[in-house]
Amino acid sequence: MKCKICGDKAIRPYLGILVCPSCRIFFKRNVKTKQTQLKCRYNKNCEINLFNRHICSYCRLKKCFSNGMKSNLLCSSLSKQKSNRIQRNQSEKFPTLNLLRSDQSTLNNDQ
């Protein structure tokens, strides 16, 4: 299976199309923060393949969109991941506090 963006080995579909891990992370990293900041130094028609995918981010992101990757699907999955991460971090911050809350002993501090 080949990545629809660069032709590298693809493992599984992501946001509706088959992409390699490199293109998946590239899209996730660049879709919102740099979409308006990217510029092509050539003719906005660069060939994106395994060997030159890192040269023009503008054309690579454009190819992601033209092949069907959707930023609105990414946002919903990112917000779910973020809320799961926040919940996990809050419970990991104070594990002893959780133990103290569940303590049912009748001993006082002096004992």
N, C-alpha and C. Protein backbone atom coordinates (compact mmCIF):
# COMPACT_ATOMS: atom_id res chain seq x y z
N MET A 1 0.84 -1.18 0.00
CA MET A 1 0.00 0.00 0.00
C MET A 1 0.89 1.24 0.00
N LYS A 2 0.54 2.18 -0.85
CA LYS A 2 1.34 3.40 -0.98
C LYS A 2 0.56 4.62 -0.52
N CYS A 3 1.30 5.56 0.04
CA CYS A 3 0.75 6.83 0.48
C CYS A 3 0.25 7.63 -0.73
N LYS A 4 -0.95 8.18 -0.62
CA LYS A 4 -1.53 8.96 -1.71
C LYS A 4 -0.83 10.31 -1.89
N ILE A 5 -0.07 10.74 -0.90
CA ILE A 5 0.59 12.04 -0.97
C ILE A 5 2.00 11.91 -1.55
N CYS A 6 2.82 11.04 -0.95
CA CYS A 6 4.24 10.99 -1.35
C CYS A 6 4.67 9.66 -1.96
N GLY A 7 3.87 8.62 -1.85
CA GLY A 7 4.23 7.33 -2.42
C GLY A 7 5.01 6.43 -1.48
N ASP A 8 5.25 6.86 -0.26
CA ASP A 8 5.95 6.03 0.72
C ASP A 8 5.02 4.90 1.17
N LYS A 9 5.55 3.99 1.96
CA LYS A 9 4.76 2.86 2.46
C LYS A 9 3.70 3.37 3.44
N ALA A 10 2.45 3.09 3.17
CA ALA A 10 1.34 3.50 4.03
C ALA A 10 0.91 2.32 4.89
N ILE A 11 0.55 2.64 6.12
CA ILE A 11 0.16 1.58 7.06
C ILE A 11 -1.36 1.46 7.14
N ARG A 12 -2.04 2.60 7.30
CA ARG A 12 -3.50 2.56 7.44
C ARG A 12 -4.08 3.90 6.99
N PRO A 13 -5.38 3.93 6.75
CA PRO A 13 -6.02 5.19 6.35
C PRO A 13 -6.05 6.20 7.50
N TYR A 14 -5.99 7.45 7.13
CA TYR A 14 -6.05 8.54 8.11
C TYR A 14 -6.88 9.65 7.51
N LEU A 15 -7.92 10.06 8.20
CA LEU A 15 -8.84 11.10 7.73
C LEU A 15 -9.39 10.81 6.34
N GLY A 16 -9.62 9.55 6.09
CA GLY A 16 -10.29 9.17 4.84
C GLY A 16 -9.39 8.73 3.71
N ILE A 17 -8.08 8.92 3.79
CA ILE A 17 -7.21 8.45 2.71
C ILE A 17 -6.01 7.70 3.28
N LEU A 18 -5.39 6.90 2.43
CA LEU A 18 -4.26 6.09 2.82
C LEU A 18 -2.99 6.94 2.77
N VAL A 19 -2.36 7.15 3.93
CA VAL A 19 -1.15 7.98 4.00
C VAL A 19 -0.10 7.31 4.87
N CYS A 20 1.16 7.72 4.65
CA CYS A 20 2.27 7.22 5.47
C CYS A 20 2.30 8.00 6.79
N PRO A 21 3.01 7.49 7.78
CA PRO A 21 3.09 8.21 9.06
C PRO A 21 3.66 9.62 8.92
N SER A 22 4.60 9.81 8.02
CA SER A 22 5.21 11.13 7.83
C SER A 22 4.19 12.15 7.33
N CYS A 23 3.39 11.78 6.35
CA CYS A 23 2.38 12.70 5.82
C CYS A 23 1.25 12.91 6.82
N ARG A 24 0.93 11.90 7.59
CA ARG A 24 -0.11 12.05 8.62
C ARG A 24 0.32 13.09 9.65
N ILE A 25 1.54 13.00 10.12
CA ILE A 25 2.03 13.96 11.11
C ILE A 25 2.21 15.33 10.49
N PHE A 26 2.68 15.38 9.24
CA PHE A 26 2.82 16.65 8.55
C PHE A 26 1.48 17.37 8.47
N PHE A 27 0.43 16.65 8.09
CA PHE A 27 -0.89 17.27 7.97
C PHE A 27 -1.39 17.76 9.32
N LYS A 28 -1.24 16.92 10.33
CA LYS A 28 -1.70 17.28 11.68
C LYS A 28 -0.98 18.54 12.18
N ARG A 29 0.31 18.63 11.91
CA ARG A 29 1.12 19.74 12.39
C ARG A 29 0.85 21.04 11.62
N ASN A 30 0.56 20.94 10.34
CA ASN A 30 0.50 22.13 9.49
C ASN A 30 -0.90 22.60 9.11
N VAL A 31 -1.91 21.81 9.31
CA VAL A 31 -3.22 22.14 8.78
C VAL A 31 -3.79 23.44 9.35
N LYS A 32 -3.68 23.66 10.62
CA LYS A 32 -4.27 24.86 11.22
C LYS A 32 -3.27 25.98 11.44
N THR A 33 -2.11 25.64 11.92
CA THR A 33 -1.16 26.68 12.32
C THR A 33 -0.48 27.35 11.14
N LYS A 34 -0.18 26.62 10.10
CA LYS A 34 0.63 27.18 9.03
C LYS A 34 -0.08 27.25 7.68
N GLN A 35 -1.33 26.91 7.63
CA GLN A 35 -2.03 26.84 6.35
C GLN A 35 -1.97 28.17 5.60
N THR A 36 -2.12 29.27 6.28
CA THR A 36 -2.09 30.57 5.62
C THR A 36 -0.68 31.13 5.50
N GLN A 37 0.27 30.61 6.27
CA GLN A 37 1.64 31.12 6.27
C GLN A 37 2.53 30.48 5.21
N LEU A 38 2.18 29.30 4.73
CA LEU A 38 3.03 28.59 3.79
C LEU A 38 3.03 29.26 2.42
N LYS A 39 4.18 29.24 1.78
CA LYS A 39 4.31 29.80 0.44
C LYS A 39 5.20 28.87 -0.38
N CYS A 40 4.87 28.75 -1.65
CA CYS A 40 5.67 27.96 -2.57
C CYS A 40 6.71 28.88 -3.23
N ARG A 41 7.96 28.45 -3.23
CA ARG A 41 9.02 29.24 -3.85
C ARG A 41 9.13 28.98 -5.34
N TYR A 42 8.32 28.10 -5.85
CA TYR A 42 8.40 27.71 -7.25
C TYR A 42 7.12 28.15 -7.96
N ASN A 43 6.42 27.30 -8.65
CA ASN A 43 5.22 27.68 -9.42
C ASN A 43 3.92 27.18 -8.81
N LYS A 44 3.91 26.83 -7.54
CA LYS A 44 2.74 26.24 -6.86
C LYS A 44 2.27 24.97 -7.56
N ASN A 45 3.23 24.27 -8.12
CA ASN A 45 2.90 23.04 -8.82
C ASN A 45 4.04 22.02 -8.64
N CYS A 46 4.59 21.93 -7.44
CA CYS A 46 5.72 21.04 -7.17
C CYS A 46 5.26 19.59 -7.16
N GLU A 47 6.10 18.71 -7.66
CA GLU A 47 5.82 17.29 -7.59
C GLU A 47 6.21 16.81 -6.19
N ILE A 48 5.28 16.18 -5.52
CA ILE A 48 5.54 15.67 -4.17
C ILE A 48 5.74 14.16 -4.26
N ASN A 49 6.92 13.70 -3.84
CA ASN A 49 7.18 12.27 -3.78
C ASN A 49 8.04 11.98 -2.56
N LEU A 50 8.41 10.73 -2.41
CA LEU A 50 9.15 10.28 -1.24
C LEU A 50 10.47 11.05 -1.05
N PHE A 51 11.11 11.41 -2.13
CA PHE A 51 12.44 12.01 -2.04
C PHE A 51 12.44 13.53 -1.89
N ASN A 52 11.36 14.19 -2.28
CA ASN A 52 11.35 15.65 -2.18
C ASN A 52 10.16 16.19 -1.39
N ARG A 53 9.51 15.36 -0.62
CA ARG A 53 8.30 15.80 0.10
C ARG A 53 8.60 16.88 1.12
N HIS A 54 9.83 16.99 1.58
CA HIS A 54 10.19 17.98 2.59
C HIS A 54 10.54 19.35 1.99
N ILE A 55 10.65 19.45 0.69
CA ILE A 55 11.10 20.69 0.05
C ILE A 55 10.02 21.77 0.03
N CYS A 56 8.80 21.41 -0.35
CA CYS A 56 7.74 22.42 -0.46
C CYS A 56 6.53 22.03 0.38
N SER A 57 6.41 22.63 1.54
CA SER A 57 5.29 22.33 2.44
C SER A 57 3.97 22.83 1.87
N TYR A 58 4.00 23.94 1.15
CA TYR A 58 2.78 24.49 0.56
C TYR A 58 2.14 23.48 -0.40
N CYS A 59 2.93 22.96 -1.33
CA CYS A 59 2.39 22.02 -2.30
C CYS A 59 2.03 20.68 -1.67
N ARG A 60 2.78 20.29 -0.65
CA ARG A 60 2.46 19.04 0.05
C ARG A 60 1.12 19.16 0.77
N LEU A 61 0.88 20.28 1.43
CA LEU A 61 -0.39 20.48 2.11
C LEU A 61 -1.53 20.60 1.09
N LYS A 62 -1.26 21.27 -0.01
CA LYS A 62 -2.26 21.39 -1.08
C LYS A 62 -2.62 20.00 -1.62
N LYS A 63 -1.62 19.13 -1.76
CA LYS A 63 -1.88 17.77 -2.24
C LYS A 63 -2.68 16.97 -1.22
N CYS A 64 -2.42 17.21 0.06
CA CYS A 64 -3.22 16.55 1.10
C CYS A 64 -4.70 16.90 0.93
N PHE A 65 -4.99 18.18 0.77
CA PHE A 65 -6.37 18.61 0.61
C PHE A 65 -6.97 18.10 -0.69
N SER A 66 -6.21 18.14 -1.77
CA SER A 66 -6.75 17.70 -3.05
C SER A 66 -7.02 16.20 -3.09
N ASN A 67 -6.35 15.44 -2.24
CA ASN A 67 -6.59 14.00 -2.17
C ASN A 67 -7.67 13.62 -1.16
N GLY A 68 -8.26 14.60 -0.50
CA GLY A 68 -9.41 14.32 0.35
C GLY A 68 -9.21 14.43 1.84
N MET A 69 -8.05 14.85 2.31
CA MET A 69 -7.88 15.04 3.75
C MET A 69 -8.67 16.28 4.17
N LYS A 70 -9.39 16.16 5.27
CA LYS A 70 -10.26 17.26 5.71
C LYS A 70 -9.86 17.74 7.09
N SER A 71 -9.67 19.04 7.21
CA SER A 71 -9.24 19.61 8.48
C SER A 71 -10.33 19.54 9.54
N ASN A 72 -11.60 19.58 9.13
CA ASN A 72 -12.68 19.52 10.13
C ASN A 72 -12.74 18.16 10.82
N LEU A 73 -12.34 17.11 10.14
CA LEU A 73 -12.27 15.79 10.79
C LEU A 73 -11.13 15.74 11.78
N LEU A 74 -10.04 16.41 11.46
CA LEU A 74 -8.89 16.45 12.36
C LEU A 74 -9.22 17.17 13.64
N CYS A 75 -9.94 18.26 13.58
CA CYS A 75 -10.27 19.04 14.77
C CYS A 75 -11.08 18.23 15.76
N SER A 76 -12.04 17.48 15.28
CA SER A 76 -12.86 16.71 16.20
C SER A 76 -12.06 15.60 16.86
N SER A 77 -11.16 14.97 16.12
CA SER A 77 -10.35 13.91 16.73
C SER A 77 -9.32 14.50 17.68
N LEU A 78 -8.78 15.69 17.37
CA LEU A 78 -7.81 16.33 18.26
C LEU A 78 -8.45 16.75 19.57
N SER A 79 -9.68 17.28 19.52
CA SER A 79 -10.32 17.71 20.75
C SER A 79 -10.63 16.51 21.64
N LYS A 80 -10.98 15.38 21.05
CA LYS A 80 -11.21 14.17 21.85
C LYS A 80 -9.91 13.71 22.50
N GLN A 81 -8.81 13.72 21.73
CA GLN A 81 -7.52 13.31 22.28
C GLN A 81 -7.09 14.26 23.39
N LYS A 82 -7.30 15.55 23.19
CA LYS A 82 -6.88 16.54 24.17
C LYS A 82 -7.67 16.36 25.48
N SER A 83 -8.98 16.16 25.39
CA SER A 83 -9.77 15.99 26.61
C SER A 83 -9.38 14.70 27.33
N ASN A 84 -9.08 13.63 26.58
CA ASN A 84 -8.63 12.39 27.20
C ASN A 84 -7.29 12.59 27.89
N ARG A 85 -6.38 13.34 27.27
CA ARG A 85 -5.07 13.61 27.84
C ARG A 85 -5.19 14.43 29.10
N ILE A 86 -6.08 15.42 29.12
CA ILE A 86 -6.27 16.26 30.30
C ILE A 86 -6.80 15.43 31.47
N GLN A 87 -7.79 14.58 31.21
CA GLN A 87 -8.34 13.73 32.26
C GLN A 87 -7.27 12.79 32.81
N ARG A 88 -6.46 12.22 31.92
CA ARG A 88 -5.41 11.30 32.34
C ARG A 88 -4.36 12.04 33.17
N ASN A 89 -3.97 13.24 32.76
CA ASN A 89 -2.96 14.02 33.49
C ASN A 89 -3.46 14.43 34.86
N GLN A 90 -4.72 14.78 34.99
CA GLN A 90 -5.25 15.19 36.28
C GLN A 90 -5.23 14.03 37.27
N SER A 91 -5.54 12.85 36.82
CA SER A 91 -5.53 11.72 37.74
C SER A 91 -4.10 11.28 38.05
N GLU A 92 -3.14 11.54 37.14
CA GLU A 92 -1.76 11.15 37.38
C GLU A 92 -1.02 12.15 38.27
N LYS A 93 -1.48 13.38 38.35
CA LYS A 93 -0.78 14.41 39.11
C LYS A 93 -0.78 14.12 40.60
N PHE A 94 -1.89 13.67 41.12
CA PHE A 94 -2.03 13.48 42.56
C PHE A 94 -2.52 12.07 42.89
N PRO A 95 -1.73 11.05 42.59
CA PRO A 95 -2.21 9.70 42.87
C PRO A 95 -2.36 9.43 44.36
N THR A 96 -1.51 10.02 45.19
CA THR A 96 -1.63 9.78 46.63
C THR A 96 -2.87 10.47 47.19
N LEU A 97 -3.24 11.59 46.62
CA LEU A 97 -4.46 12.26 47.06
C LEU A 97 -5.67 11.37 46.84
N ASN A 98 -5.69 10.67 45.72
CA ASN A 98 -6.79 9.74 45.46
C ASN A 98 -6.79 8.60 46.46
N LEU A 99 -5.62 8.15 46.87
CA LEU A 99 -5.54 7.09 47.88
C LEU A 99 -6.05 7.59 49.23
N LEU A 100 -5.69 8.82 49.59
CA LEU A 100 -6.13 9.38 50.87
C LEU A 100 -7.64 9.56 50.90
N ARG A 101 -8.21 9.94 49.80
CA ARG A 101 -9.67 10.13 49.75
C ARG A 101 -10.41 8.82 49.97
N SER A 102 -9.82 7.75 49.47
CA SER A 102 -10.50 6.46 49.60
C SER A 102 -10.16 5.75 50.91
N ASP A 103 -9.32 6.34 51.73
CA ASP A 103 -8.92 5.74 53.00
C ASP A 103 -10.11 5.75 53.97
N GLN A 104 -10.48 4.60 54.47
CA GLN A 104 -11.63 4.45 55.36
C GLN A 104 -11.20 4.13 56.79
N SER A 105 -9.93 4.23 57.10
CA SER A 105 -9.45 3.84 58.43
C SER A 105 -9.92 4.83 59.50
N THR A 106 -9.94 4.35 60.73
CA THR A 106 -10.37 5.19 61.84
C THR A 106 -9.21 5.71 62.66
N LEU A 107 -7.99 5.50 62.18
CA LEU A 107 -6.82 5.98 62.89
C LEU A 107 -6.69 7.50 62.73
N ASN A 108 -6.18 8.12 63.78
CA ASN A 108 -5.93 9.56 63.67
C ASN A 108 -4.45 9.78 63.36
N ASN A 109 -4.03 11.01 63.24
CA ASN A 109 -2.65 11.33 62.87
C ASN A 109 -1.64 10.89 63.91
N ASP A 110 -1.99 10.88 65.18
CA ASP A 110 -1.07 10.51 66.24
C ASP A 110 -0.81 9.01 66.27
N GLN A 111 -1.71 8.23 65.81
CA GLN A 111 -1.58 6.78 65.87
C GLN A 111 -0.76 6.32 64.70
